[in-house]
PDB file of all heavy atoms in Angstrom:
ATOM      1  N   LYS A   1     -44.454  20.309  11.818  1.00  0.00           N
ATOM      2  CA  LYS A   1     -43.768  19.256  12.606  1.00  0.00           C
ATOM      3  C   LYS A   1     -42.965  18.409  11.571  1.00  0.00           C
ATOM      4  O   LYS A   1     -43.543  18.040  10.528  1.00  0.00           O
ATOM      5  CB  LYS A   1     -44.842  18.379  13.252  1.00  0.00           C
ATOM      6  CG  LYS A   1     -44.280  17.448  14.319  1.00  0.00           C
ATOM      7  CD  LYS A   1     -45.408  16.868  15.104  1.00  0.00           C
ATOM      8  CE  LYS A   1     -44.748  16.048  16.261  1.00  0.00           C
ATOM      9  NZ  LYS A   1     -45.752  15.447  17.083  1.00  0.00           N
ATOM     10  N   LYS A   2     -41.732  18.240  11.952  1.00  0.00           N
ATOM     11  CA  LYS A   2     -40.875  17.456  11.068  1.00  0.00           C
ATOM     12  C   LYS A   2     -41.181  15.926  11.118  1.00  0.00           C
ATOM     13  O   LYS A   2     -41.463  15.422  12.249  1.00  0.00           O
ATOM     14  CB  LYS A   2     -39.427  17.586  11.506  1.00  0.00           C
ATOM     15  CG  LYS A   2     -38.813  18.967  11.289  1.00  0.00           C
ATOM     16  CD  LYS A   2     -37.381  19.072  11.593  1.00  0.00           C
ATOM     17  CE  LYS A   2     -36.834  20.411  11.339  1.00  0.00           C
ATOM     18  NZ  LYS A   2     -35.423  20.576  11.740  1.00  0.00           N
ATOM     19  N   PRO A   3     -41.219  15.245  10.091  1.00  0.00           N
ATOM     20  CA  PRO A   3     -41.488  13.868  10.107  1.00  0.00           C
ATOM     21  C   PRO A   3     -40.413  13.074  10.766  1.00  0.00           C
ATOM     22  O   PRO A   3     -39.173  13.421  10.718  1.00  0.00           O
ATOM     23  CB  PRO A   3     -41.624  13.460   8.629  1.00  0.00           C
ATOM     24  CG  PRO A   3     -40.873  14.429   7.893  1.00  0.00           C
ATOM     25  CD  PRO A   3     -41.020  15.736   8.678  1.00  0.00           C
ATOM     26  N   GLU A   4     -40.711  12.059  11.496  1.00  0.00           N
ATOM     27  CA  GLU A   4     -39.712  11.238  12.207  1.00  0.00           C
ATOM     28  C   GLU A   4     -39.022  10.395  11.188  1.00  0.00           C
ATOM     29  O   GLU A   4     -39.587   9.665  10.315  1.00  0.00           O
ATOM     30  CB  GLU A   4     -40.439  10.354  13.230  1.00  0.00           C
ATOM     31  CG  GLU A   4     -39.455   9.885  14.255  1.00  0.00           C
ATOM     32  CD  GLU A   4     -40.086   9.307  15.532  1.00  0.00           C
ATOM     33  OE1 GLU A   4     -41.112   9.923  15.924  1.00  0.00           O
ATOM     34  OE2 GLU A   4     -39.734   8.202  15.964  1.00  0.00           O
ATOM     35  N   VAL A   5     -37.670  10.441  11.198  1.00  0.00           N
ATOM     36  CA  VAL A   5     -36.851   9.769  10.177  1.00  0.00           C
ATOM     37  C   VAL A   5     -36.226   8.482  10.823  1.00  0.00           C
ATOM     38  O   VAL A   5     -35.785   8.455  11.956  1.00  0.00           O
ATOM     39  CB  VAL A   5     -35.693  10.700   9.748  1.00  0.00           C
ATOM     40  CG1 VAL A   5     -34.825   9.944   8.693  1.00  0.00           C
ATOM     41  CG2 VAL A   5     -36.266  11.961   9.202  1.00  0.00           C
ATOM     42  N   ASP A   6     -36.303   7.432  10.080  1.00  0.00           N
ATOM     43  CA  ASP A   6     -35.725   6.144  10.468  1.00  0.00           C
ATOM     44  C   ASP A   6     -34.199   6.174  10.148  1.00  0.00           C
ATOM     45  O   ASP A   6     -33.856   6.147   9.012  1.00  0.00           O
ATOM     46  CB  ASP A   6     -36.464   5.035   9.743  1.00  0.00           C
ATOM     47  CG  ASP A   6     -35.898   3.639  10.199  1.00  0.00           C
ATOM     48  OD1 ASP A   6     -35.343   3.567  11.288  1.00  0.00           O
ATOM     49  OD2 ASP A   6     -36.107   2.626   9.484  1.00  0.00           O
ATOM     50  N   ILE A   7     -33.396   6.203  11.233  1.00  0.00           N
ATOM     51  CA  ILE A   7     -31.935   6.241  10.943  1.00  0.00           C
ATOM     52  C   ILE A   7     -31.359   4.847  10.564  1.00  0.00           C
ATOM     53  O   ILE A   7     -30.173   4.806  10.217  1.00  0.00           O
ATOM     54  CB  ILE A   7     -31.177   6.839  12.143  1.00  0.00           C
ATOM     55  CG1 ILE A   7     -31.356   5.915  13.359  1.00  0.00           C
ATOM     56  CG2 ILE A   7     -31.587   8.230  12.418  1.00  0.00           C
ATOM     57  CD1 ILE A   7     -30.487   6.317  14.509  1.00  0.00           C
ATOM     58  N   LEU A   8     -32.154   3.859  10.587  1.00  0.00           N
ATOM     59  CA  LEU A   8     -31.694   2.517  10.151  1.00  0.00           C
ATOM     60  C   LEU A   8     -32.203   2.158   8.845  1.00  0.00           C
ATOM     61  O   LEU A   8     -32.059   0.979   8.420  1.00  0.00           O
ATOM     62  CB  LEU A   8     -32.143   1.487  11.196  1.00  0.00           C
ATOM     63  CG  LEU A   8     -31.523   1.730  12.631  1.00  0.00           C
ATOM     64  CD1 LEU A   8     -32.084   0.719  13.646  1.00  0.00           C
ATOM     65  CD2 LEU A   8     -29.991   1.617  12.606  1.00  0.00           C
ATOM     66  N   SER A   9     -32.822   3.065   8.110  1.00  0.00           N
ATOM     67  CA  SER A   9     -33.288   2.697   6.737  1.00  0.00           C
ATOM     68  C   SER A   9     -32.179   2.538   5.766  1.00  0.00           C
ATOM     69  O   SER A   9     -31.044   3.009   6.023  1.00  0.00           O
ATOM     70  CB  SER A   9     -34.153   3.872   6.267  1.00  0.00           C
ATOM     71  OG  SER A   9     -33.377   5.051   6.013  1.00  0.00           O
ATOM     72  N   PRO A  10     -32.383   1.768   4.724  1.00  0.00           N
ATOM     73  CA  PRO A  10     -31.286   1.507   3.744  1.00  0.00           C
ATOM     74  C   PRO A  10     -30.633   2.798   3.190  1.00  0.00           C
ATOM     75  O   PRO A  10     -29.372   2.910   3.010  1.00  0.00           O
ATOM     76  CB  PRO A  10     -31.940   0.712   2.637  1.00  0.00           C
ATOM     77  CG  PRO A  10     -33.096   0.111   3.305  1.00  0.00           C
ATOM     78  CD  PRO A  10     -33.576   1.095   4.346  1.00  0.00           C
ATOM     79  N   ALA A  11     -31.469   3.866   2.905  1.00  0.00           N
ATOM     80  CA  ALA A  11     -30.895   5.076   2.392  1.00  0.00           C
ATOM     81  C   ALA A  11     -30.016   5.802   3.425  1.00  0.00           C
ATOM     82  O   ALA A  11     -28.925   6.391   3.163  1.00  0.00           O
ATOM     83  CB  ALA A  11     -32.007   6.038   2.024  1.00  0.00           C
ATOM     84  N   ALA A  12     -30.457   5.732   4.740  1.00  0.00           N
ATOM     85  CA  ALA A  12     -29.575   6.398   5.783  1.00  0.00           C
ATOM     86  C   ALA A  12     -28.358   5.629   5.955  1.00  0.00           C
ATOM     87  O   ALA A  12     -27.252   6.178   6.259  1.00  0.00           O
ATOM     88  CB  ALA A  12     -30.436   6.446   7.034  1.00  0.00           C
ATOM     89  N   MET A  13     -28.413   4.280   5.925  1.00  0.00           N
ATOM     90  CA  MET A  13     -27.179   3.499   6.099  1.00  0.00           C
ATOM     91  C   MET A  13     -26.227   3.774   4.955  1.00  0.00           C
ATOM     92  O   MET A  13     -25.006   3.744   5.170  1.00  0.00           O
ATOM     93  CB  MET A  13     -27.575   2.001   6.089  1.00  0.00           C
ATOM     94  CG  MET A  13     -28.163   1.614   7.435  1.00  0.00           C
ATOM     95  SD  MET A  13     -26.974   1.793   8.699  1.00  0.00           S
ATOM     96  CE  MET A  13     -27.977   1.917  10.101  1.00  0.00           C
ATOM     97  N   LEU A  14     -26.704   3.888   3.662  1.00  0.00           N
ATOM     98  CA  LEU A  14     -25.842   4.187   2.561  1.00  0.00           C
ATOM     99  C   LEU A  14     -25.156   5.528   2.748  1.00  0.00           C
ATOM    100  O   LEU A  14     -23.936   5.721   2.568  1.00  0.00           O
ATOM    101  CB  LEU A  14     -26.625   4.129   1.234  1.00  0.00           C
ATOM    102  CG  LEU A  14     -25.789   4.355   0.011  1.00  0.00           C
ATOM    103  CD1 LEU A  14     -24.841   3.229  -0.178  1.00  0.00           C
ATOM    104  CD2 LEU A  14     -26.773   4.377  -1.216  1.00  0.00           C
ATOM    105  N   ASN A  15     -25.874   6.510   3.178  1.00  0.00           N
ATOM    106  CA  ASN A  15     -25.345   7.836   3.429  1.00  0.00           C
ATOM    107  C   ASN A  15     -24.290   7.693   4.568  1.00  0.00           C
ATOM    108  O   ASN A  15     -23.203   8.330   4.477  1.00  0.00           O
ATOM    109  CB  ASN A  15     -26.408   8.802   3.865  1.00  0.00           C
ATOM    110  CG  ASN A  15     -25.853  10.225   4.052  1.00  0.00           C
ATOM    111  OD1 ASN A  15     -25.058  10.631   3.353  1.00  0.00           O
ATOM    112  ND2 ASN A  15     -26.459  10.933   4.998  1.00  0.00           N
ATOM    113  N   LEU A  16     -24.526   7.013   5.587  1.00  0.00           N
ATOM    114  CA  LEU A  16     -23.634   6.852   6.747  1.00  0.00           C
ATOM    115  C   LEU A  16     -22.404   6.134   6.336  1.00  0.00           C
ATOM    116  O   LEU A  16     -21.297   6.498   6.832  1.00  0.00           O
ATOM    117  CB  LEU A  16     -24.337   6.038   7.838  1.00  0.00           C
ATOM    118  CG  LEU A  16     -23.585   6.055   9.220  1.00  0.00           C
ATOM    119  CD1 LEU A  16     -23.452   7.500   9.703  1.00  0.00           C
ATOM    120  CD2 LEU A  16     -24.398   5.217  10.179  1.00  0.00           C
ATOM    121  N   GLN A  17     -22.497   5.270   5.352  1.00  0.00           N
ATOM    122  CA  GLN A  17     -21.272   4.527   4.886  1.00  0.00           C
ATOM    123  C   GLN A  17     -20.311   5.532   4.320  1.00  0.00           C
ATOM    124  O   GLN A  17     -19.052   5.326   4.408  1.00  0.00           O
ATOM    125  CB  GLN A  17     -21.745   3.475   3.860  1.00  0.00           C
ATOM    126  CG  GLN A  17     -20.593   2.582   3.375  1.00  0.00           C
ATOM    127  CD  GLN A  17     -21.111   1.650   2.409  1.00  0.00           C
ATOM    128  OE1 GLN A  17     -22.317   1.540   2.057  1.00  0.00           O
ATOM    129  NE2 GLN A  17     -20.240   0.817   1.867  1.00  0.00           N
ATOM    130  N   TYR A  18     -20.763   6.550   3.654  1.00  0.00           N
ATOM    131  CA  TYR A  18     -19.874   7.505   2.990  1.00  0.00           C
ATOM    132  C   TYR A  18     -19.288   8.591   3.989  1.00  0.00           C
ATOM    133  O   TYR A  18     -18.286   9.093   3.748  1.00  0.00           O
ATOM    134  CB  TYR A  18     -20.652   8.268   1.864  1.00  0.00           C
ATOM    135  CG  TYR A  18     -20.890   7.337   0.678  1.00  0.00           C
ATOM    136  CD1 TYR A  18     -22.277   7.073   0.362  1.00  0.00           C
ATOM    137  CD2 TYR A  18     -19.921   6.828  -0.038  1.00  0.00           C
ATOM    138  CE1 TYR A  18     -22.528   6.240  -0.702  1.00  0.00           C
ATOM    139  CE2 TYR A  18     -20.142   6.000  -1.139  1.00  0.00           C
ATOM    140  CZ  TYR A  18     -21.487   5.670  -1.520  1.00  0.00           C
ATOM    141  OH  TYR A  18     -21.742   4.879  -2.535  1.00  0.00           O
ATOM    142  N   ILE A  19     -20.111   8.911   5.054  1.00  0.00           N
ATOM    143  CA  ILE A  19     -19.627   9.975   5.909  1.00  0.00           C
ATOM    144  C   ILE A  19     -18.916   9.552   7.180  1.00  0.00           C
ATOM    145  O   ILE A  19     -18.163  10.308   7.748  1.00  0.00           O
ATOM    146  CB  ILE A  19     -20.747  10.957   6.219  1.00  0.00           C
ATOM    147  CG1 ILE A  19     -21.820  10.217   7.034  1.00  0.00           C
ATOM    148  CG2 ILE A  19     -21.356  11.509   4.990  1.00  0.00           C
ATOM    149  CD1 ILE A  19     -22.930  11.151   7.618  1.00  0.00           C
ATOM    150  N   ALA A  20     -19.171   8.292   7.687  1.00  0.00           N
ATOM    151  CA  ALA A  20     -18.601   7.844   8.912  1.00  0.00           C
ATOM    152  C   ALA A  20     -17.252   7.179   8.612  1.00  0.00           C
ATOM    153  O   ALA A  20     -17.095   6.389   7.645  1.00  0.00           O
ATOM    154  CB  ALA A  20     -19.549   6.979   9.657  1.00  0.00           C
ATOM    155  N   HIS A  21     -16.273   7.302   9.524  1.00  0.00           N
ATOM    156  CA  HIS A  21     -14.991   6.639   9.376  1.00  0.00           C
ATOM    157  C   HIS A  21     -14.900   5.238  10.086  1.00  0.00           C
ATOM    158  O   HIS A  21     -14.214   4.321   9.636  1.00  0.00           O
ATOM    159  CB  HIS A  21     -13.899   7.530   9.983  1.00  0.00           C
ATOM    160  CG  HIS A  21     -13.821   8.825   9.302  1.00  0.00           C
ATOM    161  ND1 HIS A  21     -13.366   9.014   8.038  1.00  0.00           N
ATOM    162  CD2 HIS A  21     -14.159  10.083   9.732  1.00  0.00           C
ATOM    163  CE1 HIS A  21     -13.426  10.236   7.637  1.00  0.00           C
ATOM    164  NE2 HIS A  21     -13.920  10.926   8.669  1.00  0.00           N
ATOM    165  N   ASN A  22     -15.692   5.104  11.189  1.00  0.00           N
ATOM    166  CA  ASN A  22     -15.709   3.804  11.930  1.00  0.00           C
ATOM    167  C   ASN A  22     -17.021   3.744  12.743  1.00  0.00           C
ATOM    168  O   ASN A  22     -17.852   4.636  12.653  1.00  0.00           O
ATOM    169  CB  ASN A  22     -14.427   3.680  12.782  1.00  0.00           C
ATOM    170  CG  ASN A  22     -14.288   4.862  13.669  1.00  0.00           C
ATOM    171  OD1 ASN A  22     -15.306   5.473  14.133  1.00  0.00           O
ATOM    172  ND2 ASN A  22     -13.057   5.248  13.974  1.00  0.00           N
ATOM    173  N   ALA A  23     -17.096   2.701  13.512  1.00  0.00           N
ATOM    174  CA  ALA A  23     -18.381   2.509  14.225  1.00  0.00           C
ATOM    175  C   ALA A  23     -18.614   3.586  15.290  1.00  0.00           C
ATOM    176  O   ALA A  23     -19.765   4.068  15.432  1.00  0.00           O
ATOM    177  CB  ALA A  23     -18.363   1.090  14.916  1.00  0.00           C
ATOM    178  N   ALA A  24     -17.546   3.981  15.977  1.00  0.00           N
ATOM    179  CA  ALA A  24     -17.708   5.080  16.979  1.00  0.00           C
ATOM    180  C   ALA A  24     -18.129   6.382  16.327  1.00  0.00           C
ATOM    181  O   ALA A  24     -18.982   7.123  16.810  1.00  0.00           O
ATOM    182  CB  ALA A  24     -16.366   5.248  17.713  1.00  0.00           C
ATOM    183  N   HIS A  25     -17.508   6.677  15.203  1.00  0.00           N
ATOM    184  CA  HIS A  25     -17.951   7.892  14.470  1.00  0.00           C
ATOM    185  C   HIS A  25     -19.389   7.804  13.937  1.00  0.00           C
ATOM    186  O   HIS A  25     -20.162   8.773  13.971  1.00  0.00           O
ATOM    187  CB  HIS A  25     -16.989   8.133  13.295  1.00  0.00           C
ATOM    188  CG  HIS A  25     -17.074   9.452  12.733  1.00  0.00           C
ATOM    189  ND1 HIS A  25     -16.725   9.640  11.417  1.00  0.00           N
ATOM    190  CD2 HIS A  25     -17.455  10.635  13.231  1.00  0.00           C
ATOM    191  CE1 HIS A  25     -17.008  10.973  11.079  1.00  0.00           C
ATOM    192  NE2 HIS A  25     -17.345  11.574  12.184  1.00  0.00           N
ATOM    193  N   CYS A  26     -19.759   6.653  13.593  1.00  0.00           N
ATOM    194  CA  CYS A  26     -21.178   6.364  13.125  1.00  0.00           C
ATOM    195  C   CYS A  26     -22.193   6.732  14.265  1.00  0.00           C
ATOM    196  O   CYS A  26     -23.130   7.409  14.051  1.00  0.00           O
ATOM    197  CB  CYS A  26     -21.351   4.938  12.690  1.00  0.00           C
ATOM    198  SG  CYS A  26     -23.015   4.353  12.576  1.00  0.00           S
ATOM    199  N   LEU A  27     -21.854   6.165  15.466  1.00  0.00           N
ATOM    200  CA  LEU A  27     -22.757   6.480  16.568  1.00  0.00           C
ATOM    201  C   LEU A  27     -22.731   7.968  17.026  1.00  0.00           C
ATOM    202  O   LEU A  27     -23.741   8.517  17.323  1.00  0.00           O
ATOM    203  CB  LEU A  27     -22.341   5.598  17.766  1.00  0.00           C
ATOM    204  CG  LEU A  27     -22.556   4.079  17.669  1.00  0.00           C
ATOM    205  CD1 LEU A  27     -21.942   3.235  18.794  1.00  0.00           C
ATOM    206  CD2 LEU A  27     -24.004   3.847  17.565  1.00  0.00           C
ATOM    207  N   TYR A  28     -21.561   8.581  16.903  1.00  0.00           N
ATOM    208  CA  TYR A  28     -21.464   9.954  17.260  1.00  0.00           C
ATOM    209  C   TYR A  28     -22.283  10.860  16.284  1.00  0.00           C
ATOM    210  O   TYR A  28     -22.976  11.719  16.738  1.00  0.00           O
ATOM    211  CB  TYR A  28     -20.015  10.394  17.188  1.00  0.00           C
ATOM    212  CG  TYR A  28     -19.758  11.786  17.592  1.00  0.00           C
ATOM    213  CD1 TYR A  28     -19.564  12.080  18.853  1.00  0.00           C
ATOM    214  CD2 TYR A  28     -19.642  12.854  16.653  1.00  0.00           C
ATOM    215  CE1 TYR A  28     -19.330  13.467  19.277  1.00  0.00           C
ATOM    216  CE2 TYR A  28     -19.481  14.118  16.984  1.00  0.00           C
ATOM    217  CZ  TYR A  28     -19.293  14.430  18.342  1.00  0.00           C
ATOM    218  OH  TYR A  28     -19.118  15.723  18.607  1.00  0.00           O
ATOM    219  N   LEU A  29     -22.315  10.521  15.006  1.00  0.00           N
ATOM    220  CA  LEU A  29     -23.018  11.299  14.001  1.00  0.00           C
ATOM    221  C   LEU A  29     -24.507  11.088  14.157  1.00  0.00           C
ATOM    222  O   LEU A  29     -25.293  11.984  13.844  1.00  0.00           O
ATOM    223  CB  LEU A  29     -22.566  10.892  12.636  1.00  0.00           C
ATOM    224  CG  LEU A  29     -21.175  11.285  12.185  1.00  0.00           C
ATOM    225  CD1 LEU A  29     -20.855  10.680  10.851  1.00  0.00           C
ATOM    226  CD2 LEU A  29     -21.044  12.788  12.120  1.00  0.00           C
ATOM    227  N   ARG A  30     -24.921   9.941  14.696  1.00  0.00           N
ATOM    228  CA  ARG A  30     -26.358   9.693  14.869  1.00  0.00           C
ATOM    229  C   ARG A  30     -26.903  10.178  16.238  1.00  0.00           C
ATOM    230  O   ARG A  30     -28.027   9.988  16.507  1.00  0.00           O
ATOM    231  CB  ARG A  30     -26.596   8.190  14.702  1.00  0.00           C
ATOM    232  CG  ARG A  30     -26.445   7.710  13.260  1.00  0.00           C
ATOM    233  CD  ARG A  30     -27.440   8.383  12.387  1.00  0.00           C
ATOM    234  NE  ARG A  30     -27.300   7.974  11.007  1.00  0.00           N
ATOM    235  CZ  ARG A  30     -27.133   8.806  10.016  1.00  0.00           C
ATOM    236  NH1 ARG A  30     -27.009  10.043  10.198  1.00  0.00           N
ATOM    237  NH2 ARG A  30     -27.004   8.301   8.778  1.00  0.00           N
ATOM    238  N   GLY A  31     -26.052  10.835  17.027  1.00  0.00           N
ATOM    239  CA  GLY A  31     -26.520  11.422  18.295  1.00  0.00           C
ATOM    240  C   GLY A  31     -26.291  10.582  19.545  1.00  0.00           C
ATOM    241  O   GLY A  31     -26.662  10.959  20.595  1.00  0.00           O
ATOM    242  N   PHE A  32     -25.598   9.436  19.367  1.00  0.00           N
ATOM    243  CA  PHE A  32     -25.335   8.564  20.578  1.00  0.00           C
ATOM    244  C   PHE A  32     -23.945   8.888  21.025  1.00  0.00           C
ATOM    245  O   PHE A  32     -23.007   8.216  20.733  1.00  0.00           O
ATOM    246  CB  PHE A  32     -25.430   7.112  20.195  1.00  0.00           C
ATOM    247  CG  PHE A  32     -26.836   6.665  19.756  1.00  0.00           C
ATOM    248  CD1 PHE A  32     -27.115   6.600  18.388  1.00  0.00           C
ATOM    249  CD2 PHE A  32     -27.770   6.514  20.682  1.00  0.00           C
ATOM    250  CE1 PHE A  32     -28.380   6.225  17.930  1.00  0.00           C
ATOM    251  CE2 PHE A  32     -29.011   6.165  20.236  1.00  0.00           C
ATOM    252  CZ  PHE A  32     -29.343   6.060  18.934  1.00  0.00           C
ATOM    253  N   ARG A  33     -23.830  10.026  21.737  1.00  0.00           N
ATOM    254  CA  ARG A  33     -22.520  10.500  22.277  1.00  0.00           C
ATOM    255  C   ARG A  33     -22.193   9.903  23.595  1.00  0.00           C
ATOM    256  O   ARG A  33     -23.154   9.639  24.414  1.00  0.00           O
ATOM    257  CB  ARG A  33     -22.462  11.992  22.276  1.00  0.00           C
ATOM    258  CG  ARG A  33     -22.526  12.580  20.851  1.00  0.00           C
ATOM    259  CD  ARG A  33     -22.762  14.027  20.794  1.00  0.00           C
ATOM    260  NE  ARG A  33     -22.632  14.659  19.544  1.00  0.00           N
ATOM    261  CZ  ARG A  33     -23.714  14.596  18.678  1.00  0.00           C
ATOM    262  NH1 ARG A  33     -24.835  14.122  18.981  1.00  0.00           N
ATOM    263  NH2 ARG A  33     -23.530  15.140  17.402  1.00  0.00           N
ATOM    264  N   TRP A  34     -20.970   9.727  23.912  1.00  0.00           N
ATOM    265  CA  TRP A  34     -20.587   9.184  25.234  1.00  0.00           C
ATOM    266  C   TRP A  34     -20.179  10.348  26.122  1.00  0.00           C
ATOM    267  O   TRP A  34     -19.872  11.432  25.659  1.00  0.00           O
ATOM    268  CB  TRP A  34     -19.423   8.202  25.095  1.00  0.00           C
ATOM    269  CG  TRP A  34     -18.288   8.721  24.222  1.00  0.00           C
ATOM    270  CD1 TRP A  34     -17.126   9.290  24.656  1.00  0.00           C
ATOM    271  CD2 TRP A  34     -18.202   8.660  22.786  1.00  0.00           C
ATOM    272  NE1 TRP A  34     -16.345   9.639  23.605  1.00  0.00           N
ATOM    273  CE2 TRP A  34     -16.954   9.273  22.468  1.00  0.00           C
ATOM    274  CE3 TRP A  34     -19.022   8.238  21.777  1.00  0.00           C
ATOM    275  CZ2 TRP A  34     -16.539   9.466  21.107  1.00  0.00           C
ATOM    276  CZ3 TRP A  34     -18.636   8.439  20.464  1.00  0.00           C
ATOM    277  CH2 TRP A  34     -17.356   9.008  20.125  1.00  0.00           C
ATOM    278  N   PRO A  35     -20.107  10.165  27.476  1.00  0.00           N
ATOM    279  CA  PRO A  35     -19.866  11.291  28.395  1.00  0.00           C
ATOM    280  C   PRO A  35     -18.549  11.981  28.151  1.00  0.00           C
ATOM    281  O   PRO A  35     -18.496  13.207  28.303  1.00  0.00           O
ATOM    282  CB  PRO A  35     -19.841  10.596  29.745  1.00  0.00           C
ATOM    283  CG  PRO A  35     -20.561   9.293  29.620  1.00  0.00           C
ATOM    284  CD  PRO A  35     -20.407   8.923  28.146  1.00  0.00           C
ATOM    285  N   GLY A  36     -17.500  11.308  27.768  1.00  0.00           N
ATOM    286  CA  GLY A  36     -16.175  11.964  27.655  1.00  0.00           C
ATOM    287  C   GLY A  36     -15.951  12.519  26.246  1.00  0.00           C
ATOM    288  O   GLY A  36     -14.878  13.004  25.909  1.00  0.00           O
ATOM    289  N   ALA A  37     -16.926  12.565  25.356  1.00  0.00           N
ATOM    290  CA  ALA A  37     -16.769  13.037  23.994  1.00  0.00           C
ATOM    291  C   ALA A  37     -16.459  14.505  23.995  1.00  0.00           C
ATOM    292  O   ALA A  37     -17.128  15.244  24.752  1.00  0.00           O
ATOM    293  CB  ALA A  37     -17.971  12.684  23.163  1.00  0.00           C
ATOM    294  N   THR A  38     -15.548  14.939  23.149  1.00  0.00           N
ATOM    295  CA  THR A  38     -15.306  16.364  22.971  1.00  0.00           C
ATOM    296  C   THR A  38     -16.444  16.999  22.196  1.00  0.00           C
ATOM    297  O   THR A  38     -16.862  16.472  21.181  1.00  0.00           O
ATOM    298  CB  THR A  38     -13.938  16.594  22.254  1.00  0.00           C
ATOM    299  OG1 THR A  38     -14.013  15.957  21.031  1.00  0.00           O
ATOM    300  CG2 THR A  38     -12.835  15.998  23.071  1.00  0.00           C
TER     301      THR A  38
END
């Protein structure tokens, strides 16, 4: 069983800072997609 990961941890936020372009992209990468997303 995979351990549950905290996506709001400081390490995860630092990683997200490097890979996401804006707030919408941040949410998209973390799995919070909206209905009209491609």
